[in-house]
Amino acid sequence: MNNKIQALNEAAFQRIFADYTQQEAPPQLVAGLISADQVLSTFTLGFKDGSVATETQFRIASMTKCFAAAMLLKLRDEQKIK
């Protein structure tokens, strides 16, 4: 990915999450923009119990179905399953 496109993607990524946090005011948020196994940009926000960093570990409840669905859709898109 050339540097100009990467910079535009990072700027758009930061803008999307900045807009979201102003509208929704989530208590904590960590997001990452990844391309070809490389972290291009990260965004962190924390209002509850102090600040949040990219290394912060979150407890996620019952996410197995979401991960399984995402993997199935990825395999379908890659035409590895029908």
Protein backbone atom coordinates (compact mmCIF):
# COMPACT_ATOMS: atom_id res chain seq x y z
CA MET A 1 0.00 0.00 0.00
CA ASN A 2 1.50 3.33 -0.91
CA ASN A 3 2.05 5.94 1.79
CA LYS A 4 -0.60 8.40 0.54
CA ILE A 5 -3.33 5.76 0.55
CA GLN A 6 -2.21 4.49 3.95
CA ALA A 7 -2.28 8.04 5.36
CA LEU A 8 -5.79 8.60 3.96
CA ASN A 9 -6.99 5.30 5.42
CA GLU A 10 -5.53 6.15 8.83
CA ALA A 11 -7.05 9.64 8.77
CA ALA A 12 -10.47 8.25 7.81
CA PHE A 13 -10.18 5.57 10.49
CA GLN A 14 -9.37 8.15 13.19
CA ARG A 15 -12.21 10.42 11.98
CA ILE A 16 -14.78 7.58 12.04
CA PHE A 17 -13.99 6.68 15.64
CA ALA A 18 -13.75 10.30 16.76
CA ASP A 19 -17.23 10.93 15.30
CA TYR A 20 -18.59 7.74 16.87
CA THR A 21 -17.27 8.57 20.32
CA GLN A 22 -18.82 12.04 20.20
CA GLN A 23 -22.23 10.61 19.26
CA GLU A 24 -22.29 7.46 21.41
CA ALA A 25 -19.86 8.20 24.27
CA PRO A 26 -18.82 4.58 24.91
CA PRO A 27 -17.16 3.92 28.30
CA GLN A 28 -14.08 2.30 26.69
CA LEU A 29 -12.98 1.55 23.15
CA VAL A 30 -9.94 0.09 21.41
CA ALA A 31 -9.91 -0.37 17.64
CA GLY A 32 -7.23 -1.19 15.10
CA LEU A 33 -6.77 -0.78 11.35
CA ILE A 34 -4.87 -3.78 9.98
CA SER A 35 -3.70 -4.52 6.44
CA ALA A 36 -1.64 -7.53 5.36
CA ASP A 37 -0.82 -8.49 8.96
CA GLN A 38 0.48 -5.00 9.73
CA VAL A 39 -1.13 -2.63 12.25
CA LEU A 40 -1.59 0.65 10.41
CA SER A 41 -3.36 2.64 13.08
CA THR A 42 -4.96 2.27 16.50
CA PHE A 43 -7.57 4.25 18.36
CA THR A 44 -8.16 4.15 22.10
CA LEU A 45 -10.67 5.88 24.33
CA GLY A 46 -11.45 5.39 27.98
CA PHE A 47 -13.88 7.17 30.27
CA LYS A 48 -14.60 4.46 32.82
CA ASP A 49 -11.96 3.57 35.42
CA GLY A 50 -9.19 5.64 33.85
CA SER A 51 -7.54 5.53 30.48
CA VAL A 52 -7.34 2.69 27.97
CA ALA A 53 -4.27 1.60 26.01
CA THR A 54 -3.84 -0.71 23.03
CA GLU A 55 -2.56 -3.33 25.50
CA THR A 56 -5.69 -3.16 27.68
CA GLN A 57 -7.40 -6.52 28.04
CA PHE A 58 -11.19 -6.45 27.93
CA ARG A 59 -13.53 -9.11 29.19
CA ILE A 60 -15.70 -10.17 26.31
CA ALA A 61 -18.79 -12.20 26.99
CA SER A 62 -20.21 -14.89 24.74
CA MET A 63 -18.42 -13.85 21.55
CA THR A 64 -18.02 -17.39 20.16
CA LYS A 65 -21.03 -17.11 17.86
CA CYS A 66 -19.78 -13.81 16.40
CA PHE A 67 -16.31 -15.23 15.72
CA ALA A 68 -17.75 -18.41 14.22
CA ALA A 69 -20.09 -16.42 11.97
CA ALA A 70 -17.25 -14.14 10.82
CA MET A 71 -15.06 -17.14 9.99
CA LEU A 72 -17.88 -18.83 8.07
CA LEU A 73 -18.50 -15.67 6.05
CA LYS A 74 -14.77 -15.36 5.31
CA LEU A 75 -14.58 -18.98 4.16
CA ARG A 76 -17.69 -18.45 2.02
CA ASP A 77 -16.21 -15.31 0.45
CA GLU A 78 -13.01 -17.23 -0.32
CA GLN A 79 -15.23 -19.96 -1.89
CA LYS A 80 -13.78 -22.59 0.42
CA ILE A 81 -17.28 -23.60 1.53
CA LYS A 82 -20.67 -23.46 -0.18
